[in-house]
Amino acid sequence: MRSRAITEYATSVIMLLLLSLILLLAPLKITSNVLPPPCDFPAIYNFGDSNSDTGCISAAFEPIQSPYGESFFRGPAGRFSDGRLTIDFIAEHMRLPYLSAYLDSIGSNFRHGANFATGGSTITRQNETIFQSGISPFSLDVQIVQFHRFMSRTEELYRREKNKLPRPREFSNSLYTIDIGQTDLAVGFRQMSHIQLRAVIPDIVNQFAAAVKRLYQQGARAFWIHNTGPIGCLPTATLYLGNPKPGALDNYGCLKSHNSMALEFNRQLKSRIRTLRTELGHAAITYVDVYAAKYELISNAKSQDFVEPQKICCGLHEGNTHVWCGQKGIVRGAEVYGGACANPSSYISWDGVHYTQAANQWIANHILNGSYSDPPIPITHACHKRLHY
């Protein structure tokens, strides 16, 4: 009897231990099911405007001059910032090289992707030249055409240029990032009333969706799409306002009407992306609320160790006078140079339109983990379609 009791006791202890082990492992199993393994993207293909241009506009037209690029690259590097852009931090996060500009024929390496973004690009084609208004001729549809040629030429030349071209089979496994729309709104503010601009937003969004569909038809499957930022918070947004009317600005010096239009654009873009998920059966499309991330930084500038968000680091901004970063101008009858501040890392705005490297890094750190994404997944997992329902 004693032997039987001991056996039963031992069995009970073993069962209790097994049950405890199951309970301990259960949360681990649940956690592992939340996110599948990382996607291991072999390349990034980026489309957009000056917020993510790594050298296209400099290669196509006059190169960007000093002091651009000096905080990181020690000189101009085709970027509208003192250093790295958000797309550069995305590449770093994914342990990939910085993207070479598609239009740059010297020193480019496209083994792990290419950048088709150009400063001043729009979603819709414009009827102005870059010399008239600074608007790039490389609108989003043109960038898609360039990508198609890039794919075709890669398939033709891969055997001879293996070290500098992507493997053709990797195009469908790569990440496709898009950051564009800010210039469309900027052009609209200049050419239209707010009522007119609001009326054309659906067409702009539809053209954006058409570009995504064309990429999908060419094999793209994983999309990481940024909405447009708070354009009313750019220091140049209030440059020619003089004394703004009471209530025109929010607590952080941002122009409410411009931000309202950006939010409307983003609302329609997000809605259209949800439709695209249904239309493109094999696509994983992540919508990233860059507006919210940027506005959070601007509204908490002081607590994040930045100066007032309306102050610019490079260039001269006095009243209605603006001397562009790296350029010369006349102020109160004397020639002045729009140089850079001593400590760019304490500024959010680099030149009144573009962000500093420090601000870009802050934004990247806050969006790459999925905190501002729909669905809320990190960029490393943006290829898994089952997470995008």
Protein backbone atom coordinates (compact mmCIF):
# COMPACT_ATOMS: atom_id res chain seq x y z
CA MET A 1 0.00 0.00 0.00
CA ARG A 2 2.83 2.36 0.88
CA SER A 3 4.54 1.68 -2.46
CA ARG A 4 1.31 2.41 -4.32
CA ALA A 5 0.81 5.68 -2.45
CA ILE A 6 4.36 6.77 -3.29
CA THR A 7 3.76 5.95 -6.97
CA GLU A 8 0.52 7.91 -7.03
CA TYR A 9 2.21 10.86 -5.31
CA ALA A 10 5.08 10.81 -7.80
CA THR A 11 2.62 10.66 -10.69
CA SER A 12 0.73 13.65 -9.28
CA VAL A 13 3.92 15.63 -8.91
CA ILE A 14 4.95 14.84 -12.48
CA MET A 15 1.52 15.81 -13.81
CA LEU A 16 1.63 19.06 -11.83
CA LEU A 17 5.08 19.85 -13.23
CA LEU A 18 3.92 19.09 -16.76
CA LEU A 19 0.86 21.29 -16.30
CA SER A 20 3.05 24.13 -14.97
CA LEU A 21 5.40 23.74 -17.92
CA ILE A 22 2.47 23.91 -20.38
CA LEU A 23 1.17 27.05 -18.70
CA LEU A 24 4.62 28.63 -18.84
CA LEU A 25 5.09 27.82 -22.51
CA ALA A 26 1.56 28.81 -23.57
CA PRO A 27 2.23 32.57 -23.56
CA LEU A 28 5.39 31.98 -25.58
CA LYS A 29 3.42 30.04 -28.16
CA ILE A 30 0.79 32.77 -28.38
CA THR A 31 3.45 35.45 -28.71
CA SER A 32 5.23 33.57 -31.49
CA ASN A 33 1.96 33.35 -33.42
CA VAL A 34 1.39 37.11 -33.31
CA LEU A 35 4.29 37.85 -35.66
CA PRO A 36 5.75 35.36 -38.14
CA PRO A 37 9.47 35.45 -38.93
CA PRO A 38 10.89 38.71 -40.36
CA CYS A 39 10.57 39.15 -44.11
CA ASP A 40 14.29 39.45 -44.87
CA PHE A 41 13.74 41.88 -47.74
CA PRO A 42 16.63 41.64 -50.24
CA ALA A 43 16.05 45.16 -51.61
CA ILE A 44 14.09 48.40 -51.31
CA TYR A 45 12.57 50.33 -54.21
CA ASN A 46 11.56 53.83 -53.24
CA PHE A 47 9.32 56.37 -54.98
CA GLY A 48 8.60 59.90 -53.86
CA ASP A 49 9.69 63.53 -53.62
CA SER A 50 12.42 65.48 -51.83
CA ASN A 51 11.59 63.85 -48.50
CA SER A 52 13.25 60.67 -49.77
CA ASP A 53 15.39 61.77 -52.75
CA THR A 54 18.94 60.42 -52.35
CA GLY A 55 20.35 62.03 -55.48
CA CYS A 56 17.98 61.88 -58.47
CA ILE A 57 17.30 65.59 -58.78
CA SER A 58 20.99 66.39 -58.30
CA ALA A 59 21.89 63.94 -61.07
CA ALA A 60 19.23 65.24 -63.45
CA PHE A 61 19.76 68.96 -62.91
CA GLU A 62 22.03 71.19 -60.83
CA PRO A 63 23.58 69.31 -57.88
CA ILE A 64 22.57 70.25 -54.34
CA GLN A 65 25.35 72.34 -52.81
CA SER A 66 26.94 72.76 -49.38
CA PRO A 67 26.03 72.97 -46.51
CA TYR A 68 23.59 70.17 -47.39
CA GLY A 69 24.84 66.80 -46.21
CA GLU A 70 27.58 68.10 -43.95
CA SER A 71 26.38 66.58 -40.66
CA PHE A 72 26.85 62.99 -41.84
CA PHE A 73 28.26 62.78 -45.36
CA ARG A 74 30.71 65.66 -44.79
CA GLY A 75 29.40 67.31 -47.92
CA PRO A 76 26.49 67.34 -50.40
CA ALA A 77 25.06 63.84 -50.98
CA GLY A 78 22.01 64.56 -53.12
CA ARG A 79 19.77 64.86 -50.07
CA PHE A 80 17.68 67.81 -48.93
CA SER A 81 18.96 67.70 -45.36
CA ASP A 82 22.11 68.13 -43.36
CA GLY A 83 22.47 64.34 -43.31
CA ARG A 84 20.41 61.19 -43.57
CA LEU A 85 16.76 60.98 -44.53
CA THR A 86 14.07 58.67 -43.19
CA ILE A 87 14.65 56.32 -46.14
CA ASP A 88 18.31 56.07 -45.10
CA PHE A 89 17.29 55.04 -41.59
CA ILE A 90 14.89 52.51 -43.08
CA ALA A 91 17.79 50.99 -45.03
CA GLU A 92 19.97 50.94 -41.91
CA HIS A 93 17.19 49.29 -39.91
CA MET A 94 16.90 46.55 -42.54
CA ARG A 95 20.70 46.20 -42.71
CA LEU A 96 20.79 47.23 -46.35
CA PRO A 97 23.00 49.82 -48.07
CA TYR A 98 21.76 53.35 -48.68
CA LEU A 99 19.78 53.51 -51.91
CA SER A 100 21.53 54.74 -55.02
CA ALA A 101 19.59 57.24 -57.11
CA TYR A 102 18.28 55.68 -60.32
CA LEU A 103 19.29 58.74 -62.36
CA ASP A 104 22.87 58.85 -61.06
CA SER A 105 25.18 57.14 -63.54
CA ILE A 106 28.37 57.53 -61.48
CA GLY A 107 29.20 55.20 -58.59
CA SER A 108 25.74 53.68 -58.28
CA ASN A 109 25.13 50.17 -57.00
CA PHE A 110 21.63 48.74 -57.36
CA ARG A 111 22.29 45.30 -55.91
CA HIS A 112 19.90 45.94 -53.00
CA GLY A 113 17.44 48.34 -54.59
CA ALA A 114 17.11 51.73 -56.22
CA ASN A 115 15.62 55.13 -55.48
CA PHE A 116 13.35 56.80 -58.03
CA ALA A 117 12.25 59.70 -55.80
CA THR A 118 13.15 63.19 -57.00
CA GLY A 119 12.87 66.52 -55.25
CA GLY A 120 9.77 68.43 -56.31
CA SER A 121 7.94 65.36 -57.63
CA THR A 122 4.16 65.15 -57.60
CA ILE A 123 1.58 62.41 -57.96
CA THR A 124 -0.15 64.26 -60.81
CA ARG A 125 1.70 65.70 -63.79
CA GLN A 126 2.16 69.46 -63.70
CA ASN A 127 2.18 71.99 -66.54
CA GLU A 128 5.18 73.90 -65.21
CA THR A 129 8.88 73.29 -65.71
CA ILE A 130 11.38 72.88 -62.90
CA PHE A 131 12.99 76.16 -63.96
CA GLN A 132 9.71 78.03 -63.49
CA SER A 133 8.52 76.62 -60.19
CA GLY A 134 10.88 73.93 -58.95
CA ILE A 135 8.40 71.16 -59.82
CA SER A 136 10.13 67.99 -61.00
CA PRO A 137 9.22 66.50 -64.39
CA PHE A 138 9.55 63.06 -62.78
CA SER A 139 6.01 62.65 -61.46
CA LEU A 140 4.99 59.38 -59.84
CA ASP A 141 3.80 57.80 -63.09
CA VAL A 142 7.15 58.63 -64.71
CA GLN A 143 8.97 57.05 -61.77
CA ILE A 144 6.93 53.87 -62.33
CA VAL A 145 7.94 53.87 -66.00
CA GLN A 146 11.57 54.23 -64.92
CA PHE A 147 11.17 51.28 -62.58
CA HIS A 148 9.74 49.17 -65.39
CA ARG A 149 12.77 49.95 -67.53
CA PHE A 150 15.05 49.22 -64.58
CA MET A 151 13.47 45.77 -64.25
CA SER A 152 13.73 45.05 -67.96
CA ARG A 153 17.36 46.11 -68.20
CA THR A 154 18.24 44.14 -65.09
CA GLU A 155 16.92 40.96 -66.67
CA GLU A 156 18.98 41.69 -69.80
CA LEU A 157 22.24 42.63 -68.09
CA TYR A 158 22.23 40.62 -64.85
CA ARG A 159 24.73 37.99 -66.00
CA ARG A 160 27.30 40.68 -66.84
CA GLU A 161 26.64 42.95 -63.85
CA LYS A 162 25.84 40.57 -60.99
CA ASN A 163 27.61 42.64 -58.37
CA LYS A 164 25.72 45.85 -59.13
CA LEU A 165 22.26 44.65 -60.13
CA PRO A 166 19.54 42.89 -58.14
CA ARG A 167 18.75 39.26 -58.83
CA PRO A 168 15.70 39.31 -61.15
CA ARG A 169 13.84 36.80 -58.96
CA GLU A 170 14.14 39.15 -55.97
CA PHE A 171 11.89 41.92 -57.30
CA SER A 172 8.73 40.25 -56.00
CA ASN A 173 10.31 39.71 -52.55
CA SER A 174 11.48 43.30 -52.12
CA LEU A 175 9.92 46.18 -50.20
CA TYR A 176 8.30 49.03 -52.14
CA THR A 177 8.23 52.32 -50.23
CA ILE A 178 6.31 55.40 -51.35
CA ASP A 179 6.41 58.91 -49.82
CA ILE A 180 4.77 61.53 -52.03
CA GLY A 181 1.91 64.02 -52.03
CA GLN A 182 3.33 67.01 -50.19
CA THR A 183 4.25 68.84 -53.40
CA ASP A 184 0.79 68.24 -54.89
CA LEU A 185 -0.70 70.11 -51.95
CA ALA A 186 1.94 72.84 -52.10
CA VAL A 187 1.18 73.43 -55.80
CA GLY A 188 -2.53 73.41 -55.01
CA PHE A 189 -2.17 76.07 -52.32
CA ARG A 190 -0.40 78.28 -54.85
CA GLN A 191 -2.76 77.75 -57.80
CA MET A 192 -6.21 77.09 -56.33
CA SER A 193 -8.64 78.03 -53.65
CA HIS A 194 -9.03 75.57 -50.80
CA ILE A 195 -12.42 74.54 -52.16
CA GLN A 196 -10.89 73.78 -55.56
CA LEU A 197 -7.99 71.88 -54.03
CA ARG A 198 -10.29 69.78 -51.88
CA ALA A 199 -12.29 68.92 -55.01
CA VAL A 200 -9.25 67.51 -56.86
CA ILE A 201 -7.92 65.39 -53.98
CA PRO A 202 -9.97 62.33 -55.06
CA ASP A 203 -8.30 62.45 -58.49
CA ILE A 204 -4.84 62.77 -56.92
CA VAL A 205 -5.54 59.77 -54.69
CA ASN A 206 -6.85 57.73 -57.63
CA GLN A 207 -3.68 58.44 -59.58
CA PHE A 208 -1.68 57.32 -56.56
CA ALA A 209 -3.69 54.07 -56.46
CA ALA A 210 -3.12 53.56 -60.20
CA ALA A 211 0.65 53.77 -59.61
CA VAL A 212 0.44 51.13 -56.87
CA LYS A 213 -1.56 48.89 -59.22
CA ARG A 214 1.08 49.23 -61.94
CA LEU A 215 3.80 48.22 -59.50
CA TYR A 216 1.68 45.27 -58.43
CA GLN A 217 1.26 44.22 -62.07
CA GLN A 218 5.04 44.27 -62.38
CA GLY A 219 5.42 41.90 -59.43
CA ALA A 220 5.54 44.16 -56.36
CA ARG A 221 3.81 42.64 -53.35
CA ALA A 222 4.96 44.37 -50.14
CA PHE A 223 4.19 48.11 -49.89
CA TRP A 224 5.14 50.55 -47.11
CA ILE A 225 3.26 53.78 -47.86
CA HIS A 226 3.74 57.08 -46.00
CA ASN A 227 0.95 59.62 -45.88
CA THR A 228 1.81 63.30 -46.23
CA GLY A 229 3.12 65.31 -43.29
CA PRO A 230 1.77 68.43 -41.57
CA ILE A 231 2.60 70.84 -44.38
CA GLY A 232 1.15 73.71 -42.36
CA CYS A 233 3.94 73.23 -39.81
CA LEU A 234 6.72 73.91 -42.32
CA PRO A 235 8.28 77.30 -41.47
CA THR A 236 7.87 78.41 -45.09
CA ALA A 237 4.09 77.85 -44.85
CA THR A 238 3.74 81.09 -42.94
CA LEU A 239 6.55 82.97 -44.70
CA TYR A 240 4.38 85.40 -46.65
CA LEU A 241 1.42 85.63 -44.31
CA GLY A 242 2.60 88.81 -42.62
CA ASN A 243 0.41 89.11 -39.56
CA PRO A 244 -1.82 86.02 -39.68
CA LYS A 245 -5.46 86.41 -38.73
CA PRO A 246 -6.45 85.41 -35.19
CA GLY A 247 -6.97 81.66 -35.03
CA ALA A 248 -5.07 80.94 -38.27
CA LEU A 249 -2.23 79.24 -36.40
CA ASP A 250 -2.34 76.50 -33.82
CA ASN A 251 -0.37 76.46 -30.56
CA TYR A 252 2.79 75.39 -32.35
CA GLY A 253 2.79 77.99 -35.11
CA CYS A 254 1.30 75.65 -37.74
CA LEU A 255 -1.11 76.96 -40.35
CA LYS A 256 -4.40 75.23 -39.56
CA SER A 257 -5.88 75.45 -43.07
CA HIS A 258 -2.88 73.73 -44.67
CA ASN A 259 -2.83 70.97 -42.06
CA SER A 260 -6.56 70.48 -42.50
CA MET A 261 -6.02 69.86 -46.21
CA ALA A 262 -3.19 67.43 -45.49
CA LEU A 263 -5.45 65.52 -43.09
CA GLU A 264 -8.18 65.33 -45.74
CA PHE A 265 -5.69 64.01 -48.28
CA ASN A 266 -4.52 61.43 -45.75
CA ARG A 267 -8.07 60.39 -44.89
CA GLN A 268 -8.86 59.68 -48.54
CA LEU A 269 -5.51 57.98 -49.10
CA LYS A 270 -6.06 55.63 -46.17
CA SER A 271 -9.54 54.77 -47.39
CA ARG A 272 -8.25 54.06 -50.90
CA ILE A 273 -5.49 51.82 -49.55
CA ARG A 274 -8.09 49.73 -47.74
CA THR A 275 -9.84 49.27 -51.08
CA LEU A 276 -6.55 48.37 -52.75
CA ARG A 277 -6.04 45.56 -50.26
CA THR A 278 -9.23 43.98 -51.60
CA GLU A 279 -8.44 44.69 -55.25
CA LEU A 280 -4.85 43.40 -55.12
CA GLY A 281 -5.30 39.94 -53.69
CA HIS A 282 -1.65 39.11 -53.06
CA ALA A 283 -0.48 42.53 -51.85
CA ALA A 284 0.52 43.42 -48.30
CA ILE A 285 0.00 47.19 -48.01
CA THR A 286 1.02 49.06 -44.87
CA TYR A 287 -0.23 52.62 -44.39
CA VAL A 288 2.10 54.71 -42.23
CA ASP A 289 0.80 57.81 -40.46
CA VAL A 290 3.88 59.99 -40.86
CA TYR A 291 1.69 63.04 -40.28
CA ALA A 292 0.97 61.93 -36.71
CA ALA A 293 4.62 61.12 -36.02
CA LYS A 294 5.85 64.47 -37.33
CA TYR A 295 3.16 66.41 -35.53
CA GLU A 296 3.98 64.63 -32.28
CA LEU A 297 7.61 65.70 -32.65
CA ILE A 298 6.62 69.28 -33.46
CA SER A 299 4.18 69.53 -30.57
CA ASN A 300 6.73 68.10 -28.12
CA ALA A 301 9.83 69.78 -29.51
CA LYS A 302 11.02 71.18 -26.19
CA SER A 303 10.65 67.93 -24.25
CA GLN A 304 12.55 66.14 -27.03
CA ASP A 305 15.45 68.62 -26.73
CA PHE A 306 14.71 70.50 -29.96
CA VAL A 307 14.40 74.26 -30.39
CA GLU A 308 11.09 75.85 -31.40
CA PRO A 309 9.82 73.99 -34.49
CA GLN A 310 9.37 77.20 -36.53
CA LYS A 311 13.08 78.01 -36.33
CA ILE A 312 15.22 76.93 -39.29
CA CYS A 313 18.83 75.82 -39.11
CA CYS A 314 20.01 76.65 -42.63
CA GLY A 315 19.15 79.86 -44.46
CA LEU A 316 17.86 83.18 -43.25
CA HIS A 317 14.24 83.76 -42.32
CA GLU A 318 13.39 87.30 -41.20
CA GLY A 319 9.86 88.66 -41.54
CA ASN A 320 8.91 88.34 -45.20
CA THR A 321 12.52 87.83 -46.28
CA HIS A 322 13.87 84.35 -46.92
CA VAL A 323 17.38 83.55 -48.10
CA TRP A 324 17.47 79.90 -49.11
CA CYS A 325 19.95 77.52 -47.49
CA GLY A 326 23.33 77.73 -49.20
CA GLN A 327 22.31 80.75 -51.30
CA LYS A 328 23.04 84.47 -51.21
CA GLY A 329 20.46 87.22 -50.91
CA ILE A 330 19.95 90.88 -50.09
CA VAL A 331 18.73 91.78 -46.61
CA ARG A 332 18.37 95.44 -45.62
CA GLY A 333 20.55 96.47 -48.57
CA ALA A 334 23.42 94.10 -47.80
CA GLU A 335 24.33 90.75 -49.33
CA VAL A 336 24.05 87.86 -46.89
CA TYR A 337 24.69 84.13 -47.10
CA GLY A 338 22.16 81.57 -45.94
CA GLY A 339 24.53 79.41 -43.93
CA ALA A 340 23.85 76.64 -41.44
CA CYS A 341 23.45 76.86 -37.68
CA ALA A 342 26.15 75.62 -35.32
CA ASN A 343 24.13 72.67 -33.99
CA PRO A 344 21.73 71.16 -36.57
CA SER A 345 20.88 68.26 -34.24
CA SER A 346 18.86 70.62 -32.03
CA TYR A 347 16.61 71.73 -34.91
CA ILE A 348 13.59 70.05 -36.48
CA SER A 349 13.55 72.14 -39.66
CA TRP A 350 16.70 72.18 -41.76
CA ASP A 351 15.85 74.73 -44.46
CA GLY A 352 12.22 75.67 -43.86
CA VAL A 353 10.83 72.82 -45.99
CA HIS A 354 12.88 69.76 -45.12
CA TYR A 355 13.77 68.12 -41.83
CA THR A 356 17.17 67.79 -40.20
CA GLN A 357 18.89 64.45 -39.87
CA ALA A 358 18.09 64.46 -36.14
CA ALA A 359 14.37 64.96 -36.83
CA ASN A 360 14.40 62.31 -39.56
CA GLN A 361 16.00 59.86 -37.14
CA TRP A 362 13.42 60.63 -34.46
CA ILE A 363 10.62 60.03 -36.96
CA ALA A 364 12.17 56.80 -38.23
CA ASN A 365 12.60 55.50 -34.69
CA HIS A 366 8.91 56.05 -34.06
CA ILE A 367 7.43 54.60 -37.25
CA LEU A 368 9.56 51.55 -38.00
CA ASN A 369 8.19 49.53 -35.09
CA GLY A 370 4.61 49.82 -36.37
CA SER A 371 3.38 52.32 -33.77
CA TYR A 372 1.96 54.59 -36.49
CA SER A 373 1.00 51.93 -39.01
CA ASP A 374 -2.22 50.40 -40.26
CA PRO A 375 -1.98 47.51 -39.59
CA PRO A 376 0.29 48.09 -36.56
CA ILE A 377 3.22 45.92 -37.66
CA PRO A 378 6.94 46.71 -37.85
CA ILE A 379 8.51 47.31 -41.24
CA THR A 380 10.49 44.07 -40.93
CA HIS A 381 7.19 42.13 -41.14
CA ALA A 382 5.47 44.17 -43.84
CA CYS A 383 5.44 41.31 -46.37
CA HIS A 384 2.99 39.06 -44.52
CA LYS A 385 -0.43 39.50 -46.08
CA ARG A 386 -2.29 37.74 -43.29
CA LEU A 387 -1.31 40.62 -40.97
CA HIS A 388 -2.95 43.18 -43.27
CA TYR A 389 -6.61 42.25 -42.89
